[in-house]
PDB file of N, CA and C in Angstrom:
ATOM      1  N   UNK A   1      15.934  -9.144 -17.599  1.00  0.00           N
ATOM      2  CA  UNK A   1      16.346  -8.454 -16.748  1.00  0.00           C
ATOM      3  C   UNK A   1      17.798  -7.635 -16.910  1.00  0.00           C
ATOM      4  N   UNK A   2      17.703  -6.414 -16.745  1.00  0.00           N
ATOM      5  CA  UNK A   2      18.862  -5.624 -17.199  1.00  0.00           C
ATOM      6  C   UNK A   2      20.175  -5.898 -16.275  1.00  0.00           C
ATOM      7  N   UNK A   3      21.286  -6.134 -16.915  1.00  0.00           N
ATOM      8  CA  UNK A   3      22.704  -6.576 -16.490  1.00  0.00           C
ATOM      9  C   UNK A   3      23.627  -5.329 -16.496  1.00  0.00           C
ATOM     10  N   UNK A   4      23.545  -4.733 -17.417  1.00  0.00           N
ATOM     11  CA  UNK A   4      24.524  -3.529 -17.624  1.00  0.00           C
ATOM     12  C   UNK A   4      25.676  -3.985 -18.408  1.00  0.00           C
ATOM     13  N   UNK A   5      25.686  -5.282 -18.994  1.00  0.00           N
ATOM     14  CA  UNK A   5      26.461  -5.899 -19.620  1.00  0.00           C
ATOM     15  C   UNK A   5      26.490  -5.412 -21.125  1.00  0.00           C
ATOM     16  N   UNK A   6      27.727  -5.343 -21.865  1.00  0.00           N
ATOM     17  CA  UNK A   6      27.409  -4.898 -23.241  1.00  0.00           C
ATOM     18  C   UNK A   6      28.758  -5.597 -24.021  1.00  0.00           C
ATOM     19  N   UNK A   7      28.103  -6.208 -25.241  1.00  0.00           N
ATOM     20  CA  UNK A   7      29.283  -6.735 -25.878  1.00  0.00           C
ATOM     21  C   UNK A   7      29.010  -6.353 -27.567  1.00  0.00           C
ATOM     22  N   UNK A   8      30.020  -6.178 -28.349  1.00  0.00           N
ATOM     23  CA  UNK A   8      30.126  -5.912 -29.691  1.00  0.00           C
ATOM     24  C   UNK A   8      31.065  -6.789 -30.470  1.00  0.00           C
ATOM     25  N   UNK A   9      30.674  -6.946 -31.829  1.00  0.00           N
ATOM     26  CA  UNK A   9      31.369  -7.850 -32.628  1.00  0.00           C
ATOM     27  C   UNK A   9      31.422  -7.228 -34.045  1.00  0.00           C
ATOM     28  N   UNK A  10      32.707  -7.068 -34.545  1.00  0.00           N
ATOM     29  CA  UNK A  10      32.772  -6.516 -35.987  1.00  0.00           C
ATOM     30  C   UNK A  10      33.622  -7.572 -36.610  1.00  0.00           C
ATOM     31  N   UNK A  11      33.964  -8.667 -36.227  1.00  0.00           N
ATOM     32  CA  UNK A  11      34.892  -9.660 -36.890  1.00  0.00           C
ATOM     33  C   UNK A  11      34.454 -10.242 -38.073  1.00  0.00           C
ATOM     34  N   UNK A  12      33.022 -10.341 -38.056  1.00  0.00           N
ATOM     35  CA  UNK A  12      32.519 -11.129 -39.366  1.00  0.00           C
ATOM     36  C   UNK A  12      32.132 -10.015 -40.406  1.00  0.00           C
ATOM     37  N   UNK A  13      31.734 -10.471 -41.386  1.00  0.00           N
ATOM     38  CA  UNK A  13      31.256  -9.432 -42.701  1.00  0.00           C
ATOM     39  C   UNK A  13      29.802  -9.371 -42.471  1.00  0.00           C
ATOM     40  N   UNK A  14      29.068 -10.205 -42.060  1.00  0.00           N
ATOM     41  CA  UNK A  14      27.739 -10.088 -42.220  1.00  0.00           C
ATOM     42  C   UNK A  14      27.337  -9.796 -40.771  1.00  0.00           C
ATOM     43  N   UNK A  15      25.998  -8.872 -40.837  1.00  0.00           N
ATOM     44  CA  UNK A  15      25.433  -8.589 -39.641  1.00  0.00           C
ATOM     45  C   UNK A  15      24.982  -9.582 -38.761  1.00  0.00           C
ATOM     46  N   UNK A  16      24.338 -10.531 -39.410  1.00  0.00           N
ATOM     47  CA  UNK A  16      23.790 -11.758 -38.466  1.00  0.00           C
ATOM     48  C   UNK A  16      24.827 -12.443 -37.957  1.00  0.00           C
ATOM     49  N   UNK A  17      26.007 -12.803 -38.498  1.00  0.00           N
ATOM     50  CA  UNK A  17      27.254 -13.353 -37.855  1.00  0.00           C
ATOM     51  C   UNK A  17      27.742 -12.531 -36.768  1.00  0.00           C
ATOM     52  N   UNK A  18      27.923 -11.322 -36.857  1.00  0.00           N
ATOM     53  CA  UNK A  18      28.346 -10.389 -35.773  1.00  0.00           C
ATOM     54  C   UNK A  18      27.237 -10.451 -34.564  1.00  0.00           C
ATOM     55  N   UNK A  19      26.091 -10.533 -34.988  1.00  0.00           N
ATOM     56  CA  UNK A  19      25.025 -10.481 -33.855  1.00  0.00           C
ATOM     57  C   UNK A  19      25.170 -11.730 -33.079  1.00  0.00           C
ATOM     58  N   UNK A  20      25.179 -13.066 -33.870  1.00  0.00           N
ATOM     59  CA  UNK A  20      25.488 -14.318 -33.151  1.00  0.00           C
ATOM     60  C   UNK A  20      26.686 -14.409 -32.328  1.00  0.00           C
ATOM     61  N   UNK A  21      27.760 -13.783 -32.959  1.00  0.00           N
ATOM     62  CA  UNK A  21      28.799 -13.715 -32.114  1.00  0.00           C
ATOM     63  C   UNK A  21      28.944 -12.940 -30.919  1.00  0.00           C
ATOM     64  N   UNK A  22      28.177 -11.825 -30.998  1.00  0.00           N
ATOM     65  CA  UNK A  22      28.083 -11.031 -29.859  1.00  0.00           C
ATOM     66  C   UNK A  22      27.230 -11.452 -28.691  1.00  0.00           C
ATOM     67  N   UNK A  23      26.078 -12.237 -29.126  1.00  0.00           N
ATOM     68  CA  UNK A  23      25.240 -12.913 -28.240  1.00  0.00           C
ATOM     69  C   UNK A  23      25.934 -13.992 -27.438  1.00  0.00           C
ATOM     70  N   UNK A  24      26.675 -14.703 -28.214  1.00  0.00           N
ATOM     71  CA  UNK A  24      27.537 -15.776 -27.408  1.00  0.00           C
ATOM     72  C   UNK A  24      28.556 -15.182 -26.442  1.00  0.00           C
ATOM     73  N   UNK A  25      29.070 -14.048 -26.721  1.00  0.00           N
ATOM     74  CA  UNK A  25      30.176 -13.416 -25.866  1.00  0.00           C
ATOM     75  C   UNK A  25      29.221 -12.952 -24.756  1.00  0.00           C
ATOM     76  N   UNK A  26      27.968 -12.269 -24.798  1.00  0.00           N
ATOM     77  CA  UNK A  26      27.206 -11.636 -23.743  1.00  0.00           C
ATOM     78  C   UNK A  26      26.742 -12.903 -22.808  1.00  0.00           C
ATOM     79  N   UNK A  27      26.409 -13.902 -23.556  1.00  0.00           N
ATOM     80  CA  UNK A  27      25.994 -15.287 -22.644  1.00  0.00           C
ATOM     81  C   UNK A  27      27.210 -15.701 -21.840  1.00  0.00           C
ATOM     82  N   UNK A  28      28.407 -15.494 -22.357  1.00  0.00           N
ATOM     83  CA  UNK A  28      29.642 -16.147 -21.706  1.00  0.00           C
ATOM     84  C   UNK A  28      29.990 -15.006 -20.405  1.00  0.00           C
ATOM     85  N   UNK A  29      29.755 -13.660 -20.713  1.00  0.00           N
ATOM     86  CA  UNK A  29      29.903 -12.635 -19.521  1.00  0.00           C
ATOM     87  C   UNK A  29      28.767 -13.069 -18.514  1.00  0.00           C
ATOM     88  N   UNK A  30      27.499 -13.189 -18.953  1.00  0.00           N
ATOM     89  CA  UNK A  30      26.516 -13.495 -17.997  1.00  0.00           C
ATOM     90  C   UNK A  30      26.788 -14.535 -17.119  1.00  0.00           C
ATOM     91  N   UNK A  31      27.202 -15.902 -17.744  1.00  0.00           N
ATOM     92  CA  UNK A  31      27.567 -16.813 -16.988  1.00  0.00           C
ATOM     93  C   UNK A  31      28.750 -16.799 -15.995  1.00  0.00           C
ATOM     94  N   UNK A  32      29.763 -15.999 -16.430  1.00  0.00           N
ATOM     95  CA  UNK A  32      30.882 -15.572 -15.683  1.00  0.00           C
ATOM     96  C   UNK A  32      30.452 -14.820 -14.328  1.00  0.00           C
ATOM     97  N   UNK A  33      29.525 -13.902 -14.596  1.00  0.00           N
ATOM     98  CA  UNK A  33      28.864 -13.038 -13.530  1.00  0.00           C
ATOM     99  C   UNK A  33      28.060 -13.902 -12.518  1.00  0.00           C
ATOM    100  N   UNK A  34      27.365 -14.864 -12.889  1.00  0.00           N
ATOM    101  CA  UNK A  34      26.339 -15.754 -12.114  1.00  0.00           C
ATOM    102  C   UNK A  34      27.336 -16.657 -11.339  1.00  0.00           C
ATOM    103  N   UNK A  35      28.531 -16.972 -12.004  1.00  0.00           N
ATOM    104  CA  UNK A  35      29.354 -17.882 -11.252  1.00  0.00           C
ATOM    105  C   UNK A  35      30.157 -17.270 -10.141  1.00  0.00           C
ATOM    106  N   UNK A  36      30.480 -15.878 -10.385  1.00  0.00           N
ATOM    107  CA  UNK A  36      31.145 -15.065  -9.321  1.00  0.00           C
ATOM    108  C   UNK A  36      30.149 -14.844  -8.259  1.00  0.00           C
ATOM    109  N   UNK A  37      28.817 -14.423  -8.384  1.00  0.00           N
ATOM    110  CA  UNK A  37      27.904 -14.174  -7.600  1.00  0.00           C
ATOM    111  C   UNK A  37      27.550 -15.499  -6.598  1.00  0.00           C
ATOM    112  N   UNK A  38      27.512 -16.789  -7.325  1.00  0.00           N
ATOM    113  CA  UNK A  38      27.379 -17.993  -6.431  1.00  0.00           C
ATOM    114  C   UNK A  38      28.486 -18.287  -5.762  1.00  0.00           C
ATOM    115  N   UNK A  39      29.710 -17.930  -6.112  1.00  0.00           N
ATOM    116  CA  UNK A  39      30.975 -18.393  -5.378  1.00  0.00           C
ATOM    117  C   UNK A  39      31.029 -17.326  -3.991  1.00  0.00           C
ATOM    118  N   UNK A  40      30.388 -16.175  -4.266  1.00  0.00           N
ATOM    119  CA  UNK A  40      30.544 -15.253  -3.144  1.00  0.00           C
ATOM    120  C   UNK A  40      29.379 -15.690  -2.134  1.00  0.00           C
ATOM    121  N   UNK A  41      28.413 -16.128  -2.636  1.00  0.00           N
ATOM    122  CA  UNK A  41      27.156 -16.670  -1.816  1.00  0.00           C
ATOM    123  C   UNK A  41      27.776 -17.797  -1.068  1.00  0.00           C
ATOM    124  N   UNK A  42      28.585 -18.689  -1.542  1.00  0.00           N
ATOM    125  CA  UNK A  42      28.941 -19.994  -0.922  1.00  0.00           C
ATOM    126  C   UNK A  42      29.975 -19.487   0.164  1.00  0.00           C
ATOM    127  N   UNK A  43      30.840 -18.588  -0.212  1.00  0.00           N
ATOM    128  CA  UNK A  43      31.912 -18.304   0.744  1.00  0.00           C
ATOM    129  C   UNK A  43      31.266 -17.725   1.915  1.00  0.00           C
ATOM    130  N   UNK A  44      30.061 -16.717   1.764  1.00  0.00           N
ATOM    131  CA  UNK A  44      29.527 -16.300   2.902  1.00  0.00           C
ATOM    132  C   UNK A  44      28.961 -17.113   3.758  1.00  0.00           C
ATOM    133  N   UNK A  45      28.167 -18.262   3.047  1.00  0.00           N
ATOM    134  CA  UNK A  45      27.643 -19.276   4.013  1.00  0.00           C
ATOM    135  C   UNK A  45      28.741 -20.126   4.653  1.00  0.00           C
ATOM    136  N   UNK A  46      29.871 -20.288   4.051  1.00  0.00           N
ATOM    137  CA  UNK A  46      30.994 -21.187   4.676  1.00  0.00           C
ATOM    138  C   UNK A  46      31.309 -20.475   5.860  1.00  0.00           C
ATOM    139  N   UNK A  47      31.462 -19.239   5.908  1.00  0.00           N
ATOM    140  CA  UNK A  47      31.929 -18.529   7.025  1.00  0.00           C
ATOM    141  C   UNK A  47      33.653 -18.661   7.139  1.00  0.00           C
ATOM    142  N   UNK A  48      34.095 -18.349   8.243  1.00  0.00           N
ATOM    143  CA  UNK A  48      35.615 -18.546   8.401  1.00  0.00           C
ATOM    144  C   UNK A  48      35.936 -20.058   8.474  1.00  0.00           C
ATOM    145  N   UNK A  49      36.680 -20.384   7.571  1.00  0.00           N
ATOM    146  CA  UNK A  49      37.511 -21.843   7.502  1.00  0.00           C
ATOM    147  C   UNK A  49      38.075 -21.998   8.792  1.00  0.00           C
ATOM    148  N   UNK A  50      38.171 -23.209   9.217  1.00  0.00           N
ATOM    149  CA  UNK A  50      39.066 -23.502  10.329  1.00  0.00           C
ATOM    150  C   UNK A  50      40.206 -24.391   9.872  1.00  0.00           C
ATOM    151  N   UNK A  51      41.358 -23.995  10.470  1.00  0.00           N
ATOM    152  CA  UNK A  51      42.510 -24.544  10.003  1.00  0.00           C
ATOM    153  C   UNK A  51      42.646 -26.035  10.475  1.00  0.00           C
ATOM    154  N   UNK A  52      43.054 -26.924   9.505  1.00  0.00           N
ATOM    155  CA  UNK A  52      43.021 -28.407   9.729  1.00  0.00           C
ATOM    156  C   UNK A  52      44.409 -28.724   9.852  1.00  0.00           C
ATOM    157  N   UNK A  53      45.154 -28.272  10.980  1.00  0.00           N
ATOM    158  CA  UNK A  53      46.554 -28.453  10.934  1.00  0.00           C
ATOM    159  C   UNK A  53      46.913 -29.368  12.387  1.00  0.00           C
ATOM    160  N   UNK A  54      48.074 -29.735  12.550  1.00  0.00           N
ATOM    161  CA  UNK A  54      48.270 -30.320  13.816  1.00  0.00           C
ATOM    162  C   UNK A  54      48.158 -29.265  14.897  1.00  0.00           C
ATOM    163  N   UNK A  55      47.576 -29.547  16.013  1.00  0.00           N
ATOM    164  CA  UNK A  55      47.508 -28.526  16.933  1.00  0.00           C
ATOM    165  C   UNK A  55      46.301 -27.909  17.009  1.00  0.00           C
ATOM    166  N   UNK A  56      45.379 -28.065  16.268  1.00  0.00           N
ATOM    167  CA  UNK A  56      43.901 -27.494  15.932  1.00  0.00           C
ATOM    168  C   UNK A  56      42.942 -28.659  15.999  1.00  0.00           C
ATOM    169  N   UNK A  57      43.418 -29.740  16.677  1.00  0.00           N
ATOM    170  CA  UNK A  57      42.372 -30.949  16.749  1.00  0.00           C
ATOM    171  C   UNK A  57      41.242 -30.647  17.763  1.00  0.00           C
ATOM    172  N   UNK A  58      40.273 -31.127  17.386  1.00  0.00           N
ATOM    173  CA  UNK A  58      39.021 -31.112  18.275  1.00  0.00           C
ATOM    174  C   UNK A  58      39.072 -31.974  19.524  1.00  0.00           C
ATOM    175  N   UNK A  59      39.614 -33.180  19.307  1.00  0.00           N
ATOM    176  CA  UNK A  59      39.451 -34.036  20.415  1.00  0.00           C
ATOM    177  C   UNK A  59      40.922 -34.996  20.457  1.00  0.00           C
ATOM    178  N   UNK A  60      41.430 -35.380  21.478  1.00  0.00           N
ATOM    179  CA  UNK A  60      42.713 -36.267  21.774  1.00  0.00           C
ATOM    180  C   UNK A  60      42.227 -37.334  22.479  1.00  0.00           C
ATOM    181  N   UNK A  61      42.736 -38.501  21.928  1.00  0.00           N
ATOM    182  CA  UNK A  61      42.440 -39.831  22.450  1.00  0.00           C
ATOM    183  C   UNK A  61      43.791 -40.506  22.844  1.00  0.00           C
ATOM    184  N   UNK A  62      43.905 -40.786  23.974  1.00  0.00           N
ATOM    185  CA  UNK A  62      44.910 -41.364  24.710  1.00  0.00           C
ATOM    186  C   UNK A  62      44.633 -42.805  25.127  1.00  0.00           C
ATOM    187  N   UNK A  63      45.135 -43.856  24.687  1.00  0.00           N
ATOM    188  CA  UNK A  63      44.758 -45.263  24.886  1.00  0.00           C
ATOM    189  C   UNK A  63      45.791 -45.998  25.525  1.00  0.00           C
ATOM    190  N   UNK A  64      47.235 -45.540  25.722  1.00  0.00           N
ATOM    191  CA  UNK A  64      48.269 -46.272  26.165  1.00  0.00           C
ATOM    192  C   UNK A  64      49.256 -45.321  26.762  1.00  0.00           C
ATOM    193  N   UNK A  65      49.755 -45.247  27.904  1.00  0.00           N
ATOM    194  CA  UNK A  65      49.716 -46.136  29.211  1.00  0.00           C
ATOM    195  C   UNK A  65      48.397 -45.947  29.833  1.00  0.00           C
ATOM    196  N   UNK A  66      47.624 -44.837  29.717  1.00  0.00           N
ATOM    197  CA  UNK A  66      46.454 -44.709  30.431  1.00  0.00           C
ATOM    198  C   UNK A  66      45.314 -44.386  29.238  1.00  0.00           C
ATOM    199  N   UNK A  67      44.141 -44.327  29.719  1.00  0.00           N
ATOM    200  CA  UNK A  67      43.054 -44.144  28.726  1.00  0.00           C
ATOM    201  C   UNK A  67      42.367 -42.719  29.169  1.00  0.00           C
ATOM    202  N   UNK A  68      42.289 -42.079  28.272  1.00  0.00           N
ATOM    203  CA  UNK A  68      41.599 -40.610  28.336  1.00  0.00           C
ATOM    204  C   UNK A  68      41.300 -40.004  26.941  1.00  0.00           C
ATOM    205  N   UNK A  69      40.196 -39.282  27.100  1.00  0.00           N
ATOM    206  CA  UNK A  69      39.556 -38.608  25.953  1.00  0.00           C
ATOM    207  C   UNK A  69      39.441 -37.017  26.427  1.00  0.00           C
ATOM    208  N   UNK A  70      40.051 -36.133  25.409  1.00  0.00           N
ATOM    209  CA  UNK A  70      39.877 -34.760  26.083  1.00  0.00           C
ATOM    210  C   UNK A  70      39.410 -33.880  24.760  1.00  0.00           C
ATOM    211  N   UNK A  71      38.487 -33.273  24.957  1.00  0.00           N
ATOM    212  CA  UNK A  71      37.893 -32.315  23.902  1.00  0.00           C
ATOM    213  C   UNK A  71      38.517 -30.866  24.098  1.00  0.00           C
ATOM    214  N   UNK A  72      39.273 -30.328  23.402  1.00  0.00           N
ATOM    215  CA  UNK A  72      39.975 -29.151  23.355  1.00  0.00           C
ATOM    216  C   UNK A  72      39.254 -28.090  23.262  1.00  0.00           C
ATOM    217  N   UNK A  73      38.020 -27.985  22.844  1.00  0.00           N
ATOM    218  CA  UNK A  73      37.235 -26.864  22.594  1.00  0.00           C
ATOM    219  C   UNK A  73      36.713 -26.507  24.135  1.00  0.00           C
ATOM    220  N   UNK A  74      36.109 -27.619  24.647  1.00  0.00           N
ATOM    221  CA  UNK A  74      35.324 -27.321  26.045  1.00  0.00           C
ATOM    222  C   UNK A  74      36.237 -27.736  27.246  1.00  0.00           C
ATOM    223  N   UNK A  75      37.244 -28.281  26.951  1.00  0.00           N
ATOM    224  CA  UNK A  75      38.145 -28.715  28.208  1.00  0.00           C
ATOM    225  C   UNK A  75      37.740 -29.947  28.974  1.00  0.00           C
ATOM    226  N   UNK A  76      36.413 -30.697  28.392  1.00  0.00           N
ATOM    227  CA  UNK A  76      36.052 -31.666  29.100  1.00  0.00           C
ATOM    228  C   UNK A  76      36.808 -32.997  28.881  1.00  0.00           C
ATOM    229  N   UNK A  77      37.139 -33.632  29.878  1.00  0.00           N
ATOM    230  CA  UNK A  77      37.932 -35.048  29.792  1.00  0.00           C
ATOM    231  C   UNK A  77      37.165 -36.108  30.453  1.00  0.00           C
ATOM    232  N   UNK A  78      37.469 -37.256  30.008  1.00  0.00           N
ATOM    233  CA  UNK A  78      36.987 -38.675  30.542  1.00  0.00           C
ATOM    234  C   UNK A  78      37.814 -39.824  30.391  1.00  0.00           C
ATOM    235  N   UNK A  79      37.744 -40.655  31.321  1.00  0.00           N
ATOM    236  CA  UNK A  79      38.738 -41.964  31.205  1.00  0.00           C
ATOM    237  C   UNK A  79      38.010 -42.910  30.689  1.00  0.00           C
ATOM    238  N   UNK A  80      36.824 -42.644  30.109  1.00  0.00           N
ATOM    239  CA  UNK A  80      35.930 -43.825  29.697  1.00  0.00           C
ATOM    240  C   UNK A  80      36.018 -43.645  27.892  1.00  0.00           C
ATOM    241  N   UNK A  81      37.386 -44.166  27.713  1.00  0.00           N
ATOM    242  CA  UNK A  81      37.728 -44.004  26.200  1.00  0.00           C
ATOM    243  C   UNK A  81      36.845 -45.052  25.390  1.00  0.00           C
ATOM    244  N   UNK A  82      36.633 -46.310  25.749  1.00  0.00           N
ATOM    245  CA  UNK A  82      35.927 -47.253  25.164  1.00  0.00           C
ATOM    246  C   UNK A  82      34.343 -46.830  24.862  1.00  0.00           C
ATOM    247  N   UNK A  83      33.865 -46.332  25.870  1.00  0.00           N
ATOM    248  CA  UNK A  83      32.636 -45.731  25.533  1.00  0.00           C
ATOM    249  C   UNK A  83      32.501 -44.651  24.500  1.00  0.00           C
ATOM    250  N   UNK A  84      33.503 -43.614  24.617  1.00  0.00           N
ATOM    251  CA  UNK A  84      33.645 -42.637  23.486  1.00  0.00           C
ATOM    252  C   UNK A  84      33.799 -43.360  22.134  1.00  0.00           C
ATOM    253  N   UNK A  85      34.625 -44.181  22.114  1.00  0.00           N
ATOM    254  CA  UNK A  85      34.968 -44.942  20.729  1.00  0.00           C
ATOM    255  C   UNK A  85      33.764 -45.751  20.383  1.00  0.00           C
ATOM    256  N   UNK A  86      32.978 -46.271  21.198  1.00  0.00           N
ATOM    257  CA  UNK A  86      31.726 -46.851  20.842  1.00  0.00           C
ATOM    258  C   UNK A  86      30.728 -45.989  20.383  1.00  0.00           C
ATOM    259  N   UNK A  87      30.901 -44.685  20.554  1.00  0.00           N
ATOM    260  CA  UNK A  87      29.801 -43.601  20.157  1.00  0.00           C
ATOM    261  C   UNK A  87      29.207 -42.803  21.198  1.00  0.00           C
ATOM    262  N   UNK A  88      29.523 -43.126  22.536  1.00  0.00           N
ATOM    263  CA  UNK A  88      28.868 -42.463  23.617  1.00  0.00           C
ATOM    264  C   UNK A  88      29.433 -40.989  23.647  1.00  0.00           C
ATOM    265  N   UNK A  89      28.847 -40.077  22.943  1.00  0.00           N
ATOM    266  CA  UNK A  89      29.398 -38.584  23.139  1.00  0.00           C
ATOM    267  C   UNK A  89      28.350 -37.677  23.810  1.00  0.00           C
ATOM    268  N   UNK A  90      27.552 -38.219  24.486  1.00  0.00           N
ATOM    269  CA  UNK A  90      26.500 -37.350  25.262  1.00  0.00           C
ATOM    270  C   UNK A  90      27.245 -36.334  26.164  1.00  0.00           C
ATOM    271  N   UNK A  91      28.150 -36.725  26.981  1.00  0.00           N
ATOM    272  CA  UNK A  91      29.015 -35.739  27.968  1.00  0.00           C
ATOM    273  C   UNK A  91      29.691 -34.652  27.059  1.00  0.00           C
ATOM    274  N   UNK A  92      30.255 -35.024  25.991  1.00  0.00           N
ATOM    275  CA  UNK A  92      30.923 -34.171  24.999  1.00  0.00           C
ATOM    276  C   UNK A  92      29.915 -32.949  24.583  1.00  0.00           C
ATOM    277  N   UNK A  93      28.635 -33.548  24.223  1.00  0.00           N
ATOM    278  CA  UNK A  93      27.553 -32.649  23.674  1.00  0.00           C
ATOM    279  C   UNK A  93      27.194 -31.922  24.639  1.00  0.00           C
ATOM    280  N   UNK A  94      26.860 -32.222  25.991  1.00  0.00           N
ATOM    281  CA  UNK A  94      26.540 -31.419  27.002  1.00  0.00           C
ATOM    282  C   UNK A  94      27.602 -30.457  27.295  1.00  0.00           C
ATOM    283  N   UNK A  95      28.797 -30.715  27.299  1.00  0.00           N
ATOM    284  CA  UNK A  95      29.702 -29.850  27.599  1.00  0.00           C
ATOM    285  C   UNK A  95      29.915 -28.580  26.493  1.00  0.00           C
ATOM    286  N   UNK A  96      29.567 -29.056  25.221  1.00  0.00           N
ATOM    287  CA  UNK A  96      29.568 -27.996  24.339  1.00  0.00           C
ATOM    288  C   UNK A  96      28.307 -26.971  24.437  1.00  0.00           C
ATOM    289  N   UNK A  97      27.223 -27.695  24.823  1.00  0.00           N
ATOM    290  CA  UNK A  97      25.908 -26.828  24.973  1.00  0.00           C
ATOM    291  C   UNK A  97      26.150 -26.007  26.196  1.00  0.00           C
ATOM    292  N   UNK A  98      26.865 -26.285  27.166  1.00  0.00           N
ATOM    293  CA  UNK A  98      27.018 -25.395  28.400  1.00  0.00           C
ATOM    294  C   UNK A  98      27.835 -24.191  27.929  1.00  0.00           C
ATOM    295  N   UNK A  99      28.608 -24.211  26.898  1.00  0.00           N
ATOM    296  CA  UNK A  99      29.499 -23.153  26.393  1.00  0.00           C
ATOM    297  C   UNK A  99      28.610 -21.997  25.546  1.00  0.00           C
ATOM    298  N   UNK A 100      27.477 -22.506  24.857  1.00  0.00           N
ATOM    299  CA  UNK A 100      26.582 -21.672  24.170  1.00  0.00           C
ATOM    300  C   UNK A 100      25.742 -20.976  24.950  1.00  0.00           C
TER     301      UNK A 100
END
């Protein structure tokens, strides 16, 4: 497969040694190009990264003095905090699906 990459070596005295050195350099360049292409593909698949900072949370849980769970993306709130903590996320999923 043609890559357009070229290497030369004149560091050694023999042609065979120079050829071996040039092939090693060519292999390193090909590996570097493959890594760059892989990184580019991974970055495209990841998309825009969401900042994980304070104020960018998805859900808030208030357990004292009152009980409430709020989903900040959808605005859905419930006072059934124990159910949510037990894994009952059906209402949150439905609220998210309504936005789509």
